[in-house]
Amino acid sequence: MQRIKTGDTVEVIAGRDLGQKGQVVEVMPKENRVVVEGVNLRKRHKKAQQVGGRQIPAQIVEFNAPLDLSNVMLVCPSCSKTTRVGYRFKQDGAKVRFCKKCQADID
C-alpha cells in the first residue's frame, strides 16, 4: 500500500516550489516520483509538424514535471495539516491509512 495516492492533496516541503499545495495527478512508484497539478511547471518548445495533410504550428507547451516523492507531504483531509501516514487494520481486516497527528482515517 502506498503512502501517497492519486487524488490526494499534498504540499511541497523542499525545492523550488516550497509551500505550494496541489492534487496528485500521477504516482510513479518505480521511479519514486509524483506529478502534482500546478506544481513544478516546465515549458517545452515543439517544432512545427506536418501530420497527414494538415500543418501543426510551432508552439510552447507547458506541463507538470514529476517531483521526487520525498519532497512532498500529505495534507490530512480532516485536520488540514501536513502529516506522516500510518497504517492500521479495521475490524473487518481492511488496511487503511491514517493521519499521525489527528488519528483520523484518510481512506
N, C-alpha and C. Protein backbone atom coordinates (compact mmCIF):
# COMPACT_ATOMS: atom_id res chain seq x y z
N MET A 1 0.85 -1.18 0.00
CA MET A 1 0.00 0.00 0.00
C MET A 1 0.89 1.24 0.00
N GLN A 2 0.54 2.21 -0.83
CA GLN A 2 1.35 3.42 -0.95
C GLN A 2 0.91 4.48 0.04
N ARG A 3 1.84 5.30 0.45
CA ARG A 3 1.53 6.37 1.38
C ARG A 3 0.81 7.52 0.70
N ILE A 4 1.16 7.81 -0.56
CA ILE A 4 0.51 8.87 -1.32
C ILE A 4 -0.10 8.25 -2.56
N LYS A 5 -1.37 8.58 -2.80
CA LYS A 5 -2.10 8.01 -3.93
C LYS A 5 -2.61 9.12 -4.84
N THR A 6 -3.03 8.75 -6.03
CA THR A 6 -3.62 9.68 -6.98
C THR A 6 -4.89 10.27 -6.36
N GLY A 7 -5.02 11.60 -6.44
CA GLY A 7 -6.18 12.29 -5.89
C GLY A 7 -5.93 12.90 -4.53
N ASP A 8 -4.84 12.52 -3.85
CA ASP A 8 -4.52 13.11 -2.55
C ASP A 8 -4.05 14.55 -2.72
N THR A 9 -4.26 15.36 -1.70
CA THR A 9 -3.73 16.72 -1.67
C THR A 9 -2.40 16.68 -0.93
N VAL A 10 -1.37 17.25 -1.55
CA VAL A 10 -0.04 17.25 -0.95
C VAL A 10 0.52 18.66 -0.93
N GLU A 11 1.53 18.87 -0.08
CA GLU A 11 2.25 20.14 -0.01
C GLU A 11 3.72 19.86 -0.27
N VAL A 12 4.35 20.75 -1.05
CA VAL A 12 5.77 20.61 -1.35
C VAL A 12 6.56 21.10 -0.13
N ILE A 13 7.48 20.25 0.38
CA ILE A 13 8.23 20.59 1.59
C ILE A 13 9.69 20.88 1.30
N ALA A 14 10.12 20.75 0.03
CA ALA A 14 11.51 21.05 -0.31
C ALA A 14 11.58 21.41 -1.79
N GLY A 15 12.54 22.26 -2.12
CA GLY A 15 12.76 22.59 -3.52
C GLY A 15 12.23 23.96 -3.91
N ARG A 16 12.19 24.18 -5.20
CA ARG A 16 11.83 25.47 -5.77
C ARG A 16 10.39 25.87 -5.49
N ASP A 17 9.49 24.91 -5.41
CA ASP A 17 8.07 25.18 -5.20
C ASP A 17 7.65 24.97 -3.75
N LEU A 18 8.54 25.24 -2.82
CA LEU A 18 8.31 25.05 -1.39
C LEU A 18 7.04 25.75 -0.93
N GLY A 19 6.15 25.02 -0.24
CA GLY A 19 4.93 25.60 0.31
C GLY A 19 3.71 25.51 -0.58
N GLN A 20 3.87 25.15 -1.84
CA GLN A 20 2.73 25.06 -2.74
C GLN A 20 1.96 23.77 -2.49
N LYS A 21 0.63 23.86 -2.62
CA LYS A 21 -0.23 22.70 -2.46
C LYS A 21 -0.86 22.35 -3.79
N GLY A 22 -1.17 21.09 -3.97
CA GLY A 22 -1.82 20.65 -5.18
C GLY A 22 -2.30 19.22 -5.06
N GLN A 23 -3.06 18.79 -6.06
CA GLN A 23 -3.60 17.45 -6.06
C GLN A 23 -2.71 16.54 -6.91
N VAL A 24 -2.53 15.31 -6.45
CA VAL A 24 -1.67 14.34 -7.14
C VAL A 24 -2.38 13.86 -8.39
N VAL A 25 -1.69 13.99 -9.53
CA VAL A 25 -2.24 13.56 -10.82
C VAL A 25 -1.77 12.14 -11.13
N GLU A 26 -0.50 11.86 -10.83
CA GLU A 26 0.07 10.56 -11.16
C GLU A 26 1.15 10.20 -10.15
N VAL A 27 1.21 8.93 -9.78
CA VAL A 27 2.24 8.42 -8.89
C VAL A 27 3.06 7.39 -9.68
N MET A 28 4.38 7.54 -9.65
CA MET A 28 5.28 6.61 -10.33
C MET A 28 6.14 5.91 -9.29
N PRO A 29 5.65 4.81 -8.70
CA PRO A 29 6.36 4.18 -7.59
C PRO A 29 7.73 3.60 -7.96
N LYS A 30 7.90 3.11 -9.16
CA LYS A 30 9.20 2.55 -9.56
C LYS A 30 10.28 3.62 -9.66
N GLU A 31 9.90 4.82 -10.10
CA GLU A 31 10.84 5.94 -10.20
C GLU A 31 10.89 6.76 -8.92
N ASN A 32 9.98 6.45 -7.96
CA ASN A 32 9.88 7.17 -6.70
C ASN A 32 9.56 8.65 -6.94
N ARG A 33 8.61 8.90 -7.86
CA ARG A 33 8.26 10.26 -8.23
C ARG A 33 6.75 10.43 -8.25
N VAL A 34 6.32 11.70 -8.21
CA VAL A 34 4.90 12.02 -8.19
C VAL A 34 4.68 13.30 -9.02
N VAL A 35 3.56 13.35 -9.76
CA VAL A 35 3.20 14.53 -10.54
C VAL A 35 2.07 15.23 -9.81
N VAL A 36 2.27 16.52 -9.49
CA VAL A 36 1.29 17.30 -8.74
C VAL A 36 0.76 18.41 -9.65
N GLU A 37 -0.55 18.57 -9.66
CA GLU A 37 -1.21 19.56 -10.52
C GLU A 37 -0.82 20.98 -10.12
N GLY A 38 -0.31 21.76 -11.08
CA GLY A 38 0.03 23.16 -10.84
C GLY A 38 1.36 23.39 -10.16
N VAL A 39 2.14 22.35 -9.93
CA VAL A 39 3.42 22.47 -9.25
C VAL A 39 4.52 21.95 -10.18
N ASN A 40 5.70 22.58 -10.13
CA ASN A 40 6.85 22.18 -10.94
C ASN A 40 6.53 22.28 -12.44
N LEU A 41 5.98 23.43 -12.84
CA LEU A 41 5.61 23.65 -14.24
C LEU A 41 6.86 23.85 -15.08
N ARG A 42 6.90 23.21 -16.22
CA ARG A 42 8.01 23.31 -17.17
C ARG A 42 7.44 23.66 -18.54
N LYS A 43 8.32 24.20 -19.40
CA LYS A 43 7.91 24.53 -20.77
C LYS A 43 8.77 23.75 -21.74
N ARG A 44 8.13 23.27 -22.79
CA ARG A 44 8.82 22.54 -23.85
C ARG A 44 8.47 23.17 -25.18
N HIS A 45 9.48 23.45 -25.98
CA HIS A 45 9.28 24.06 -27.29
C HIS A 45 9.09 22.95 -28.32
N LYS A 46 7.99 23.00 -29.06
CA LYS A 46 7.68 21.99 -30.07
C LYS A 46 7.86 22.59 -31.46
N LYS A 47 8.49 21.83 -32.33
CA LYS A 47 8.66 22.26 -33.72
C LYS A 47 7.35 22.16 -34.48
N ALA A 48 7.26 22.87 -35.58
CA ALA A 48 6.11 22.75 -36.46
C ALA A 48 6.15 21.37 -37.11
N GLN A 49 4.97 20.77 -37.28
CA GLN A 49 4.89 19.42 -37.85
C GLN A 49 3.85 19.39 -38.95
N GLN A 50 4.03 18.42 -39.83
CA GLN A 50 3.03 18.18 -40.85
C GLN A 50 2.52 16.77 -40.65
N VAL A 51 1.26 16.66 -40.22
CA VAL A 51 0.66 15.36 -39.96
C VAL A 51 -0.44 15.15 -40.99
N GLY A 52 -0.25 14.14 -41.81
CA GLY A 52 -1.22 13.89 -42.87
C GLY A 52 -1.23 15.06 -43.85
N GLY A 53 -2.37 15.68 -44.02
CA GLY A 53 -2.46 16.82 -44.92
C GLY A 53 -2.53 18.16 -44.21
N ARG A 54 -2.38 18.16 -42.90
CA ARG A 54 -2.51 19.43 -42.19
C ARG A 54 -1.21 19.82 -41.49
N GLN A 55 -1.07 21.10 -41.29
CA GLN A 55 0.13 21.67 -40.67
C GLN A 55 -0.16 22.04 -39.22
N ILE A 56 0.69 21.57 -38.29
CA ILE A 56 0.59 21.95 -36.88
C ILE A 56 1.68 22.98 -36.61
N PRO A 57 1.30 24.19 -36.16
CA PRO A 57 2.31 25.24 -35.97
C PRO A 57 3.24 24.96 -34.78
N ALA A 58 4.36 25.65 -34.77
CA ALA A 58 5.28 25.56 -33.63
C ALA A 58 4.60 26.16 -32.41
N GLN A 59 4.89 25.60 -31.24
CA GLN A 59 4.23 26.08 -30.02
C GLN A 59 5.08 25.79 -28.80
N ILE A 60 4.74 26.46 -27.71
CA ILE A 60 5.39 26.22 -26.43
C ILE A 60 4.35 25.53 -25.55
N VAL A 61 4.67 24.31 -25.12
CA VAL A 61 3.75 23.50 -24.33
C VAL A 61 4.19 23.55 -22.87
N GLU A 62 3.26 23.85 -21.96
CA GLU A 62 3.54 23.87 -20.53
C GLU A 62 2.99 22.59 -19.91
N PHE A 63 3.79 21.94 -19.05
CA PHE A 63 3.38 20.68 -18.45
C PHE A 63 3.89 20.58 -17.01
N ASN A 64 3.29 19.68 -16.24
CA ASN A 64 3.71 19.43 -14.86
C ASN A 64 4.78 18.34 -14.87
N ALA A 65 5.99 18.69 -14.45
CA ALA A 65 7.08 17.73 -14.38
C ALA A 65 6.98 16.97 -13.05
N PRO A 66 7.46 15.73 -13.02
CA PRO A 66 7.40 14.96 -11.77
C PRO A 66 8.35 15.48 -10.70
N LEU A 67 7.93 15.35 -9.45
CA LEU A 67 8.74 15.69 -8.28
C LEU A 67 9.18 14.40 -7.60
N ASP A 68 10.26 14.47 -6.83
CA ASP A 68 10.65 13.33 -6.04
C ASP A 68 9.64 13.15 -4.91
N LEU A 69 9.32 11.92 -4.60
CA LEU A 69 8.31 11.62 -3.59
C LEU A 69 8.69 12.13 -2.21
N SER A 70 10.00 12.24 -1.93
CA SER A 70 10.44 12.71 -0.62
C SER A 70 10.26 14.21 -0.45
N ASN A 71 9.97 14.94 -1.53
CA ASN A 71 9.80 16.39 -1.46
C ASN A 71 8.36 16.82 -1.25
N VAL A 72 7.44 15.87 -1.10
CA VAL A 72 6.04 16.21 -0.85
C VAL A 72 5.56 15.52 0.41
N MET A 73 4.55 16.13 1.06
CA MET A 73 3.98 15.57 2.27
C MET A 73 2.46 15.65 2.17
N LEU A 74 1.80 14.61 2.61
CA LEU A 74 0.35 14.53 2.53
C LEU A 74 -0.32 15.56 3.44
N VAL A 75 -1.40 16.19 2.95
CA VAL A 75 -2.22 17.10 3.75
C VAL A 75 -3.45 16.32 4.17
N CYS A 76 -3.64 16.22 5.49
CA CYS A 76 -4.77 15.46 6.05
C CYS A 76 -6.09 16.13 5.67
N PRO A 77 -7.07 15.37 5.14
CA PRO A 77 -8.35 15.98 4.77
C PRO A 77 -9.18 16.44 5.98
N SER A 78 -8.95 15.88 7.15
CA SER A 78 -9.77 16.27 8.31
C SER A 78 -9.16 17.42 9.11
N CYS A 79 -7.84 17.42 9.32
CA CYS A 79 -7.23 18.49 10.13
C CYS A 79 -6.50 19.54 9.28
N SER A 80 -6.37 19.31 7.98
CA SER A 80 -5.73 20.24 7.02
C SER A 80 -4.29 20.58 7.37
N LYS A 81 -3.57 19.65 7.98
CA LYS A 81 -2.16 19.84 8.30
C LYS A 81 -1.33 18.81 7.53
N THR A 82 -0.08 19.17 7.24
CA THR A 82 0.80 18.18 6.63
C THR A 82 1.13 17.13 7.69
N THR A 83 1.11 15.89 7.27
CA THR A 83 1.26 14.81 8.24
C THR A 83 1.97 13.60 7.65
N ARG A 84 2.52 12.80 8.53
CA ARG A 84 3.01 11.49 8.14
C ARG A 84 1.83 10.55 8.06
N VAL A 85 2.03 9.43 7.37
CA VAL A 85 0.95 8.48 7.16
C VAL A 85 1.25 7.19 7.92
N GLY A 86 0.27 6.70 8.66
CA GLY A 86 0.39 5.42 9.33
C GLY A 86 -0.62 4.45 8.77
N TYR A 87 -0.49 3.18 9.14
CA TYR A 87 -1.42 2.15 8.69
C TYR A 87 -2.00 1.44 9.90
N ARG A 88 -3.25 1.05 9.77
CA ARG A 88 -3.87 0.20 10.79
C ARG A 88 -4.93 -0.65 10.11
N PHE A 89 -5.35 -1.68 10.83
CA PHE A 89 -6.35 -2.60 10.30
C PHE A 89 -7.68 -2.34 10.99
N LYS A 90 -8.76 -2.33 10.21
CA LYS A 90 -10.11 -2.17 10.76
C LYS A 90 -10.59 -3.51 11.30
N GLN A 91 -11.77 -3.52 11.88
CA GLN A 91 -12.34 -4.75 12.44
C GLN A 91 -12.56 -5.82 11.38
N ASP A 92 -12.92 -5.38 10.16
CA ASP A 92 -13.17 -6.35 9.08
C ASP A 92 -11.88 -6.82 8.40
N GLY A 93 -10.72 -6.33 8.86
CA GLY A 93 -9.44 -6.77 8.31
C GLY A 93 -8.89 -5.87 7.20
N ALA A 94 -9.61 -4.81 6.86
CA ALA A 94 -9.15 -3.91 5.80
C ALA A 94 -8.03 -3.00 6.32
N LYS A 95 -7.01 -2.83 5.50
CA LYS A 95 -5.88 -1.96 5.86
C LYS A 95 -6.18 -0.55 5.39
N VAL A 96 -6.08 0.43 6.29
CA VAL A 96 -6.38 1.83 5.95
C VAL A 96 -5.23 2.73 6.37
N ARG A 97 -5.10 3.85 5.67
CA ARG A 97 -4.12 4.87 6.05
C ARG A 97 -4.75 5.79 7.09
N PHE A 98 -3.92 6.33 8.00
CA PHE A 98 -4.45 7.29 8.97
C PHE A 98 -3.44 8.40 9.21
N CYS A 99 -3.96 9.55 9.65
CA CYS A 99 -3.16 10.73 9.95
C CYS A 99 -2.48 10.53 11.29
N LYS A 100 -1.17 10.74 11.35
CA LYS A 100 -0.42 10.57 12.60
C LYS A 100 -0.69 11.70 13.59
N LYS A 101 -1.23 12.84 13.12
CA LYS A 101 -1.47 13.98 14.01
C LYS A 101 -2.84 13.91 14.68
N CYS A 102 -3.90 13.64 13.89
CA CYS A 102 -5.25 13.65 14.46
C CYS A 102 -5.86 12.25 14.55
N GLN A 103 -5.14 11.24 14.10
CA GLN A 103 -5.57 9.83 14.16
C GLN A 103 -6.81 9.53 13.31
N ALA A 104 -7.19 10.40 12.38
CA ALA A 104 -8.35 10.19 11.52
C ALA A 104 -7.97 9.32 10.33
N ASP A 105 -8.91 8.50 9.87
CA ASP A 105 -8.67 7.69 8.67
C ASP A 105 -8.63 8.57 7.44
N ILE A 106 -7.70 8.26 6.53
CA ILE A 106 -7.56 9.04 5.30
C ILE A 106 -8.39 8.41 4.18
N ASP A 107 -8.41 7.09 4.09
CA ASP A 107 -9.15 6.41 3.03
C ASP A 107 -10.63 6.37 3.34
